[in-house]
Amino acid sequence: MNTRAVTDAENRDRESFACVAAAWRAHEGELRGYLRHRLADAEAADDVLQDVFVKAMRQGQGLCTLDNPRAWLFQVARNALVDRSRTAHPTEPLPEGPEEPPAPPEEGVAPVDALAECLDRSLGELSADDADILRACDLEGLTQREFAAAHGLSLPATKSG
């Protein structure tokens, strides 16, 4: 890169910094008040304010070309508050000492068998017609269309059963 190009780039950087610094000085106090009003912790507000400043510096000359840099800074601050609240996860302390491990499943009763017993109890609480449809279609693999044809029912009647 030639010397003139370096000088031009340095001048643009200085102009960009001066522009951002002027916008920041004009609105920093108002932004700080806005953030402290919304965050109970002054240090947290200052942390968010610092994040806004970094984003303003990255925006550089683009901040100076905006019609309303104040509005842009406040939008960035609002977005930072939203991001902060999204990432804040309440924590609960773990109980002291070792916890009891979960009890192992009962010996001899497979989970599928336990589920089958539960299904039998649940089907027993339904009307006989509804239980027949569920048993045939969901447990025995018959399609609803096949069940409807075998029992002289319409498909909608079978589906609503």
N, C-alpha and C. Protein backbone atom coordinates (compact mmCIF):
# COMPACT_ATOMS: atom_id res chain seq x y z
N MET A 1 0.84 -1.16 0.00
CA MET A 1 0.00 0.00 0.00
C MET A 1 0.90 1.24 0.00
N ASN A 2 0.54 2.22 -0.82
CA ASN A 2 1.41 3.40 -0.87
C ASN A 2 1.13 4.33 0.30
N THR A 3 2.01 5.30 0.48
CA THR A 3 1.93 6.20 1.62
C THR A 3 0.66 7.03 1.60
N ARG A 4 0.25 7.47 0.41
CA ARG A 4 -0.96 8.30 0.31
C ARG A 4 -2.19 7.49 0.72
N ALA A 5 -2.28 6.22 0.32
CA ALA A 5 -3.42 5.37 0.68
C ALA A 5 -3.47 5.17 2.19
N VAL A 6 -2.30 4.98 2.81
CA VAL A 6 -2.24 4.81 4.26
C VAL A 6 -2.71 6.08 4.94
N THR A 7 -2.25 7.22 4.45
CA THR A 7 -2.64 8.51 5.03
C THR A 7 -4.14 8.73 4.89
N ASP A 8 -4.71 8.41 3.73
CA ASP A 8 -6.16 8.55 3.52
C ASP A 8 -6.94 7.65 4.48
N ALA A 9 -6.48 6.42 4.64
CA ALA A 9 -7.15 5.48 5.55
C ALA A 9 -7.06 5.98 6.99
N GLU A 10 -5.90 6.50 7.37
CA GLU A 10 -5.75 7.03 8.73
C GLU A 10 -6.67 8.23 8.95
N ASN A 11 -6.78 9.09 7.93
CA ASN A 11 -7.67 10.25 8.04
C ASN A 11 -9.13 9.82 8.19
N ARG A 12 -9.54 8.83 7.42
CA ARG A 12 -10.91 8.31 7.53
C ARG A 12 -11.15 7.73 8.91
N ASP A 13 -10.15 7.00 9.43
CA ASP A 13 -10.29 6.42 10.78
C ASP A 13 -10.42 7.52 11.82
N ARG A 14 -9.59 8.59 11.70
CA ARG A 14 -9.67 9.71 12.65
C ARG A 14 -11.03 10.40 12.56
N GLU A 15 -11.51 10.62 11.33
CA GLU A 15 -12.81 11.27 11.15
C GLU A 15 -13.93 10.40 11.72
N SER A 16 -13.83 9.10 11.46
CA SER A 16 -14.84 8.16 11.97
C SER A 16 -14.84 8.17 13.49
N PHE A 17 -13.64 8.11 14.09
CA PHE A 17 -13.55 8.12 15.54
C PHE A 17 -14.11 9.42 16.11
N ALA A 18 -13.77 10.53 15.50
CA ALA A 18 -14.24 11.83 15.99
C ALA A 18 -15.76 11.91 15.90
N CYS A 19 -16.31 11.41 14.83
CA CYS A 19 -17.76 11.44 14.64
C CYS A 19 -18.46 10.57 15.69
N VAL A 20 -17.97 9.34 15.88
CA VAL A 20 -18.56 8.44 16.86
C VAL A 20 -18.39 9.01 18.26
N ALA A 21 -17.22 9.58 18.54
CA ALA A 21 -16.98 10.17 19.86
C ALA A 21 -17.94 11.32 20.13
N ALA A 22 -18.21 12.13 19.12
CA ALA A 22 -19.14 13.25 19.30
C ALA A 22 -20.55 12.74 19.56
N ALA A 23 -20.99 11.76 18.80
CA ALA A 23 -22.32 11.19 19.01
C ALA A 23 -22.41 10.54 20.39
N TRP A 24 -21.34 9.88 20.79
CA TRP A 24 -21.33 9.20 22.09
C TRP A 24 -21.41 10.23 23.22
N ARG A 25 -20.60 11.27 23.13
CA ARG A 25 -20.62 12.31 24.17
C ARG A 25 -22.01 12.94 24.28
N ALA A 26 -22.67 13.12 23.14
CA ALA A 26 -23.98 13.77 23.14
C ALA A 26 -25.06 12.91 23.80
N HIS A 27 -24.90 11.58 23.76
CA HIS A 27 -26.00 10.70 24.21
C HIS A 27 -25.64 9.73 25.33
N GLU A 28 -24.38 9.70 25.74
CA GLU A 28 -23.95 8.72 26.75
C GLU A 28 -24.74 8.85 28.05
N GLY A 29 -24.90 10.05 28.56
CA GLY A 29 -25.59 10.25 29.83
C GLY A 29 -27.04 9.79 29.76
N GLU A 30 -27.69 10.12 28.66
CA GLU A 30 -29.08 9.71 28.49
C GLU A 30 -29.20 8.19 28.37
N LEU A 31 -28.27 7.58 27.64
CA LEU A 31 -28.26 6.12 27.52
C LEU A 31 -28.02 5.47 28.88
N ARG A 32 -27.09 6.00 29.66
CA ARG A 32 -26.80 5.44 30.98
C ARG A 32 -28.05 5.51 31.86
N GLY A 33 -28.73 6.64 31.84
CA GLY A 33 -29.95 6.77 32.64
C GLY A 33 -31.03 5.79 32.19
N TYR A 34 -31.16 5.62 30.89
CA TYR A 34 -32.13 4.68 30.34
C TYR A 34 -31.84 3.26 30.82
N LEU A 35 -30.57 2.87 30.74
CA LEU A 35 -30.20 1.51 31.13
C LEU A 35 -30.29 1.30 32.64
N ARG A 36 -29.92 2.29 33.41
CA ARG A 36 -30.00 2.15 34.87
C ARG A 36 -31.45 2.10 35.33
N HIS A 37 -32.31 2.77 34.60
CA HIS A 37 -33.73 2.72 34.93
C HIS A 37 -34.31 1.32 34.69
N ARG A 38 -33.79 0.62 33.69
CA ARG A 38 -34.33 -0.69 33.33
C ARG A 38 -33.61 -1.85 34.01
N LEU A 39 -32.42 -1.61 34.48
CA LEU A 39 -31.67 -2.65 35.19
C LEU A 39 -31.46 -2.19 36.63
N ALA A 40 -31.77 -3.05 37.55
CA ALA A 40 -31.64 -2.70 38.97
C ALA A 40 -30.18 -2.51 39.38
N ASP A 41 -29.29 -3.17 38.69
CA ASP A 41 -27.87 -3.17 39.04
C ASP A 41 -27.12 -2.15 38.17
N ALA A 42 -26.51 -1.13 38.82
CA ALA A 42 -25.80 -0.08 38.08
C ALA A 42 -24.62 -0.65 37.30
N GLU A 43 -23.95 -1.66 37.87
CA GLU A 43 -22.82 -2.27 37.17
C GLU A 43 -23.28 -3.00 35.91
N ALA A 44 -24.42 -3.67 36.00
CA ALA A 44 -24.97 -4.34 34.81
C ALA A 44 -25.33 -3.31 33.75
N ALA A 45 -25.88 -2.18 34.17
CA ALA A 45 -26.21 -1.11 33.22
C ALA A 45 -24.95 -0.60 32.54
N ASP A 46 -23.89 -0.43 33.30
CA ASP A 46 -22.63 0.02 32.72
C ASP A 46 -22.04 -1.01 31.77
N ASP A 47 -22.22 -2.28 32.07
CA ASP A 47 -21.76 -3.34 31.16
C ASP A 47 -22.49 -3.26 29.83
N VAL A 48 -23.81 -3.08 29.89
CA VAL A 48 -24.59 -2.97 28.66
C VAL A 48 -24.20 -1.70 27.92
N LEU A 49 -23.97 -0.61 28.65
CA LEU A 49 -23.55 0.65 28.03
C LEU A 49 -22.23 0.47 27.29
N GLN A 50 -21.33 -0.30 27.88
CA GLN A 50 -20.05 -0.57 27.23
C GLN A 50 -20.26 -1.37 25.95
N ASP A 51 -21.17 -2.34 25.98
CA ASP A 51 -21.48 -3.12 24.77
C ASP A 51 -22.02 -2.22 23.67
N VAL A 52 -22.86 -1.25 24.05
CA VAL A 52 -23.42 -0.31 23.07
C VAL A 52 -22.29 0.53 22.48
N PHE A 53 -21.36 0.97 23.32
CA PHE A 53 -20.23 1.76 22.83
C PHE A 53 -19.39 0.97 21.83
N VAL A 54 -19.12 -0.28 22.15
CA VAL A 54 -18.33 -1.11 21.24
C VAL A 54 -19.04 -1.24 19.89
N LYS A 55 -20.35 -1.44 19.92
CA LYS A 55 -21.10 -1.56 18.66
C LYS A 55 -21.08 -0.24 17.89
N ALA A 56 -21.13 0.87 18.61
CA ALA A 56 -21.04 2.17 17.95
C ALA A 56 -19.68 2.35 17.28
N MET A 57 -18.63 1.94 17.98
CA MET A 57 -17.29 2.04 17.40
C MET A 57 -17.15 1.16 16.16
N ARG A 58 -17.74 -0.02 16.21
CA ARG A 58 -17.68 -0.91 15.05
C ARG A 58 -18.48 -0.34 13.88
N GLN A 59 -19.55 0.38 14.19
CA GLN A 59 -20.36 1.01 13.15
C GLN A 59 -19.56 2.11 12.46
N GLY A 60 -18.70 2.77 13.22
CA GLY A 60 -17.79 3.77 12.68
C GLY A 60 -18.50 4.85 11.90
N GLN A 61 -17.99 5.13 10.71
CA GLN A 61 -18.50 6.20 9.87
C GLN A 61 -19.98 5.97 9.53
N GLY A 62 -20.42 4.73 9.54
CA GLY A 62 -21.83 4.43 9.27
C GLY A 62 -22.74 5.10 10.29
N LEU A 63 -22.30 5.24 11.53
CA LEU A 63 -23.09 5.92 12.56
C LEU A 63 -23.27 7.39 12.19
N CYS A 64 -22.24 7.97 11.60
CA CYS A 64 -22.27 9.39 11.27
C CYS A 64 -23.14 9.69 10.05
N THR A 65 -23.38 8.69 9.25
CA THR A 65 -24.20 8.92 8.06
C THR A 65 -25.69 8.72 8.35
N LEU A 66 -26.02 8.27 9.57
CA LEU A 66 -27.42 8.07 9.93
C LEU A 66 -28.11 9.41 10.15
N ASP A 67 -29.39 9.46 9.84
CA ASP A 67 -30.16 10.67 10.09
C ASP A 67 -30.31 10.93 11.59
N ASN A 68 -30.40 9.85 12.38
CA ASN A 68 -30.64 10.01 13.81
C ASN A 68 -29.77 9.01 14.58
N PRO A 69 -28.51 9.38 14.85
CA PRO A 69 -27.63 8.46 15.59
C PRO A 69 -28.17 8.13 16.98
N ARG A 70 -28.87 9.08 17.61
CA ARG A 70 -29.46 8.83 18.93
C ARG A 70 -30.43 7.67 18.88
N ALA A 71 -31.30 7.64 17.88
CA ALA A 71 -32.27 6.55 17.75
C ALA A 71 -31.55 5.22 17.55
N TRP A 72 -30.47 5.24 16.76
CA TRP A 72 -29.72 4.00 16.52
C TRP A 72 -29.10 3.52 17.83
N LEU A 73 -28.52 4.43 18.61
CA LEU A 73 -27.90 4.04 19.88
C LEU A 73 -28.93 3.46 20.84
N PHE A 74 -30.11 4.07 20.90
CA PHE A 74 -31.14 3.55 21.80
C PHE A 74 -31.67 2.20 21.31
N GLN A 75 -31.76 2.01 20.00
CA GLN A 75 -32.20 0.71 19.48
C GLN A 75 -31.18 -0.37 19.84
N VAL A 76 -29.91 -0.04 19.71
CA VAL A 76 -28.85 -0.99 20.09
C VAL A 76 -28.94 -1.29 21.58
N ALA A 77 -29.20 -0.27 22.40
CA ALA A 77 -29.33 -0.48 23.85
C ALA A 77 -30.53 -1.37 24.16
N ARG A 78 -31.66 -1.12 23.50
CA ARG A 78 -32.84 -1.98 23.72
C ARG A 78 -32.55 -3.42 23.33
N ASN A 79 -31.90 -3.60 22.18
CA ASN A 79 -31.56 -4.96 21.74
C ASN A 79 -30.61 -5.63 22.73
N ALA A 80 -29.68 -4.87 23.27
CA ALA A 80 -28.74 -5.44 24.26
C ALA A 80 -29.48 -5.87 25.52
N LEU A 81 -30.47 -5.08 25.93
CA LEU A 81 -31.27 -5.46 27.10
C LEU A 81 -32.05 -6.75 26.83
N VAL A 82 -32.62 -6.87 25.64
CA VAL A 82 -33.35 -8.08 25.28
C VAL A 82 -32.41 -9.27 25.27
N ASP A 83 -31.24 -9.11 24.65
CA ASP A 83 -30.26 -10.21 24.62
C ASP A 83 -29.85 -10.62 26.03
N ARG A 84 -29.66 -9.63 26.89
CA ARG A 84 -29.26 -9.92 28.27
C ARG A 84 -30.35 -10.71 29.00
N SER A 85 -31.60 -10.32 28.79
CA SER A 85 -32.68 -11.03 29.48
C SER A 85 -32.87 -12.44 28.92
N ARG A 86 -32.59 -12.62 27.66
CA ARG A 86 -32.70 -13.97 27.07
C ARG A 86 -31.64 -14.90 27.61
N THR A 87 -30.47 -14.37 27.86
CA THR A 87 -29.38 -15.23 28.31
C THR A 87 -29.33 -15.40 29.82
N ALA A 88 -30.11 -14.61 30.54
CA ALA A 88 -30.14 -14.74 31.99
C ALA A 88 -31.01 -15.93 32.37
N HIS A 89 -30.41 -16.91 32.97
CA HIS A 89 -31.13 -18.10 33.39
C HIS A 89 -31.08 -18.19 34.91
N PRO A 90 -32.24 -18.19 35.53
CA PRO A 90 -32.20 -18.33 36.99
C PRO A 90 -31.59 -19.69 37.37
N THR A 91 -30.89 -19.69 38.45
CA THR A 91 -30.25 -20.94 38.89
C THR A 91 -30.78 -21.30 40.26
N GLU A 92 -30.79 -22.58 40.52
CA GLU A 92 -31.18 -23.08 41.83
C GLU A 92 -30.01 -23.87 42.38
N PRO A 93 -29.71 -23.68 43.64
CA PRO A 93 -28.58 -24.44 44.20
C PRO A 93 -28.90 -25.92 44.25
N LEU A 94 -27.87 -26.70 44.07
CA LEU A 94 -28.02 -28.15 44.18
C LEU A 94 -28.13 -28.54 45.64
N PRO A 95 -28.88 -29.58 45.92
CA PRO A 95 -28.99 -30.00 47.33
C PRO A 95 -27.64 -30.50 47.83
N GLU A 96 -27.45 -30.33 49.12
CA GLU A 96 -26.20 -30.77 49.74
C GLU A 96 -26.17 -32.29 49.86
N GLY A 97 -25.01 -32.86 49.73
CA GLY A 97 -24.84 -34.29 49.93
C GLY A 97 -25.34 -35.13 48.77
N PRO A 98 -25.01 -36.41 48.84
CA PRO A 98 -25.44 -37.30 47.74
C PRO A 98 -26.95 -37.57 47.80
N GLU A 99 -27.54 -37.61 46.64
CA GLU A 99 -28.96 -37.95 46.55
C GLU A 99 -29.10 -39.45 46.35
N GLU A 100 -30.25 -39.93 46.69
CA GLU A 100 -30.54 -41.34 46.47
C GLU A 100 -30.73 -41.56 44.97
N PRO A 101 -30.09 -42.57 44.42
CA PRO A 101 -30.30 -42.85 42.99
C PRO A 101 -31.72 -43.38 42.78
N PRO A 102 -32.26 -43.18 41.59
CA PRO A 102 -33.60 -43.70 41.35
C PRO A 102 -33.64 -45.21 41.51
N ALA A 103 -34.75 -45.69 41.99
CA ALA A 103 -34.89 -47.13 42.21
C ALA A 103 -34.88 -47.86 40.87
N PRO A 104 -34.22 -48.99 40.82
CA PRO A 104 -34.22 -49.74 39.56
C PRO A 104 -35.62 -50.30 39.31
N PRO A 105 -35.94 -50.54 38.04
CA PRO A 105 -37.26 -51.09 37.74
C PRO A 105 -37.43 -52.45 38.41
N GLU A 106 -38.68 -52.75 38.67
CA GLU A 106 -38.97 -54.03 39.33
C GLU A 106 -38.43 -55.18 38.50
N GLU A 107 -37.84 -56.12 39.21
CA GLU A 107 -37.31 -57.30 38.53
C GLU A 107 -38.47 -58.12 37.95
N GLY A 108 -38.29 -58.60 36.75
CA GLY A 108 -39.27 -59.51 36.16
C GLY A 108 -40.37 -58.80 35.38
N VAL A 109 -40.59 -57.52 35.56
CA VAL A 109 -41.63 -56.82 34.82
C VAL A 109 -40.95 -55.93 33.79
N ALA A 110 -41.05 -56.31 32.55
CA ALA A 110 -40.46 -55.53 31.47
C ALA A 110 -41.28 -54.25 31.28
N PRO A 111 -40.65 -53.14 30.88
CA PRO A 111 -41.39 -51.90 30.67
C PRO A 111 -42.55 -52.04 29.69
N VAL A 112 -42.36 -52.85 28.66
CA VAL A 112 -43.44 -53.04 27.68
C VAL A 112 -44.62 -53.74 28.33
N ASP A 113 -44.35 -54.71 29.21
CA ASP A 113 -45.43 -55.42 29.90
C ASP A 113 -46.17 -54.47 30.84
N ALA A 114 -45.43 -53.59 31.52
CA ALA A 114 -46.06 -52.63 32.41
C ALA A 114 -46.95 -51.67 31.62
N LEU A 115 -46.49 -51.29 30.44
CA LEU A 115 -47.28 -50.42 29.58
C LEU A 115 -48.53 -51.13 29.10
N ALA A 116 -48.41 -52.39 28.75
CA ALA A 116 -49.57 -53.16 28.30
C ALA A 116 -50.63 -53.25 29.40
N GLU A 117 -50.19 -53.44 30.65
CA GLU A 117 -51.15 -53.46 31.77
C GLU A 117 -51.86 -52.12 31.90
N CYS A 118 -51.12 -51.05 31.73
CA CYS A 118 -51.69 -49.70 31.81
C CYS A 118 -52.71 -49.50 30.70
N LEU A 119 -52.37 -49.95 29.50
CA LEU A 119 -53.30 -49.82 28.36
C LEU A 119 -54.58 -50.60 28.61
N ASP A 120 -54.44 -51.80 29.13
CA ASP A 120 -55.62 -52.61 29.41
C ASP A 120 -56.53 -51.90 30.41
N ARG A 121 -55.94 -51.32 31.46
CA ARG A 121 -56.75 -50.58 32.43
C ARG A 121 -57.44 -49.39 31.77
N SER A 122 -56.70 -48.65 30.94
CA SER A 122 -57.26 -47.47 30.28
C SER A 122 -58.36 -47.84 29.30
N LEU A 123 -58.15 -48.90 28.54
CA LEU A 123 -59.18 -49.32 27.59
C LEU A 123 -60.44 -49.77 28.31
N GLY A 124 -60.28 -50.30 29.50
CA GLY A 124 -61.43 -50.73 30.29
C GLY A 124 -62.31 -49.57 30.73
N GLU A 125 -61.77 -48.37 30.73
CA GLU A 125 -62.55 -47.20 31.12
C GLU A 125 -63.35 -46.60 29.96
N LEU A 126 -63.10 -47.08 28.75
CA LEU A 126 -63.80 -46.56 27.56
C LEU A 126 -65.04 -47.39 27.28
N SER A 127 -65.87 -46.85 26.39
CA SER A 127 -67.02 -47.66 25.95
C SER A 127 -66.49 -48.86 25.18
N ALA A 128 -67.29 -49.90 25.09
CA ALA A 128 -66.85 -51.13 24.41
C ALA A 128 -66.51 -50.85 22.95
N ASP A 129 -67.32 -50.02 22.27
CA ASP A 129 -67.07 -49.72 20.86
C ASP A 129 -65.75 -48.98 20.67
N ASP A 130 -65.52 -47.96 21.52
CA ASP A 130 -64.28 -47.19 21.40
C ASP A 130 -63.07 -48.07 21.73
N ALA A 131 -63.19 -48.89 22.74
CA ALA A 131 -62.08 -49.78 23.12
C ALA A 131 -61.78 -50.76 22.00
N ASP A 132 -62.82 -51.28 21.32
CA ASP A 132 -62.61 -52.21 20.21
C ASP A 132 -61.85 -51.55 19.07
N ILE A 133 -62.22 -50.30 18.74
CA ILE A 133 -61.54 -49.59 17.65
C ILE A 133 -60.07 -49.37 18.01
N LEU A 134 -59.82 -48.87 19.20
CA LEU A 134 -58.43 -48.62 19.60
C LEU A 134 -57.61 -49.90 19.66
N ARG A 135 -58.20 -50.94 20.22
CA ARG A 135 -57.48 -52.21 20.33
C ARG A 135 -57.14 -52.74 18.93
N ALA A 136 -58.11 -52.73 18.01
CA ALA A 136 -57.89 -53.29 16.67
C ALA A 136 -56.92 -52.43 15.85
N CYS A 137 -57.10 -51.11 15.89
CA CYS A 137 -56.30 -50.23 15.02
C CYS A 137 -54.94 -49.88 15.61
N ASP A 138 -54.89 -49.59 16.89
CA ASP A 138 -53.64 -49.13 17.47
C ASP A 138 -52.77 -50.25 18.03
N LEU A 139 -53.39 -51.33 18.47
CA LEU A 139 -52.60 -52.41 19.06
C LEU A 139 -52.41 -53.60 18.12
N GLU A 140 -53.41 -53.90 17.33
CA GLU A 140 -53.34 -55.08 16.47
C GLU A 140 -52.94 -54.74 15.04
N GLY A 141 -52.82 -53.46 14.71
CA GLY A 141 -52.31 -53.07 13.39
C GLY A 141 -53.34 -52.99 12.28
N LEU A 142 -54.61 -53.10 12.57
CA LEU A 142 -55.65 -52.98 11.55
C LEU A 142 -55.78 -51.51 11.19
N THR A 143 -55.96 -51.21 9.91
CA THR A 143 -56.16 -49.81 9.54
C THR A 143 -57.58 -49.40 9.88
N GLN A 144 -57.80 -48.11 10.03
CA GLN A 144 -59.13 -47.62 10.34
C GLN A 144 -60.10 -47.93 9.20
N ARG A 145 -59.62 -47.87 7.98
CA ARG A 145 -60.46 -48.18 6.82
C ARG A 145 -60.88 -49.65 6.85
N GLU A 146 -59.94 -50.54 7.19
CA GLU A 146 -60.26 -51.97 7.27
C GLU A 146 -61.27 -52.23 8.40
N PHE A 147 -61.06 -51.58 9.55
CA PHE A 147 -61.99 -51.76 10.67
C PHE A 147 -63.38 -51.28 10.28
N ALA A 148 -63.46 -50.12 9.61
CA ALA A 148 -64.76 -49.57 9.20
C ALA A 148 -65.48 -50.53 8.27
N ALA A 149 -64.75 -51.08 7.29
CA ALA A 149 -65.36 -52.00 6.33
C ALA A 149 -65.82 -53.28 7.02
N ALA A 150 -65.02 -53.81 7.95
CA ALA A 150 -65.36 -55.06 8.62
C ALA A 150 -66.55 -54.91 9.57
N HIS A 151 -66.80 -53.71 10.06
CA HIS A 151 -67.87 -53.51 11.03
C HIS A 151 -69.04 -52.69 10.48
N GLY A 152 -69.03 -52.44 9.16
CA GLY A 152 -70.13 -51.71 8.54
C GLY A 152 -70.23 -50.25 8.99
N LEU A 153 -69.10 -49.64 9.27
CA LEU A 153 -69.07 -48.25 9.72
C LEU A 153 -68.47 -47.36 8.62
N SER A 154 -68.78 -46.08 8.68
CA SER A 154 -68.10 -45.15 7.78
C SER A 154 -66.72 -44.85 8.37
N LEU A 155 -65.79 -44.43 7.51
CA LEU A 155 -64.45 -44.10 7.98
C LEU A 155 -64.49 -42.96 9.00
N PRO A 156 -65.26 -41.87 8.75
CA PRO A 156 -65.34 -40.81 9.77
C PRO A 156 -65.87 -41.30 11.11
N ALA A 157 -66.82 -42.21 11.10
CA ALA A 157 -67.36 -42.75 12.35
C ALA A 157 -66.28 -43.54 13.08
N THR A 158 -65.48 -44.26 12.36
CA THR A 158 -64.39 -45.03 12.96
C THR A 158 -63.32 -44.11 13.54
N LYS A 159 -62.99 -43.06 12.80
CA LYS A 159 -61.96 -42.12 13.28
C LYS A 159 -62.42 -41.36 14.52
N SER A 160 -63.70 -41.07 14.62
CA SER A 160 -64.16 -40.31 15.78
C SER A 160 -64.38 -41.21 16.98
N GLY A 161 -64.30 -42.52 16.80
CA GLY A 161 -64.55 -43.46 17.89
C GLY A 161 -63.49 -43.48 18.92
